[in-house]
């Protein structure tokens, strides 16, 4: 990943463009992805760190495709972040297979 993409993942103020809780959650989602990326780039990982990476990667996917919660069009509704259809094979490999190779 190039340095510009890293800066975007680490510093881009998504909450300035998507307001409310949804913007905060999307920003957290991509900050968490950056943290996972940093783990992948680590030269030496312990078994515990690999297990932690695997758990966090799976949590990341779950948050990515979390469905809307609550009553539709109500003030208490928590909108989804992305659709399950937006999950790519790369994301599957990232969460399900990469830990095996670390």
Foldseek 3Di string as FASTA:
>chain_A
DDPVVLCCLQPPQQCVVPPDPLSVLVNVLSVLVSVLVVLVVDPDDDLVSLVVSLVSLVVSLCLQAPAWDDDPPDPPIDHHNHHPVPDDVVSVCSNPPVSVVD
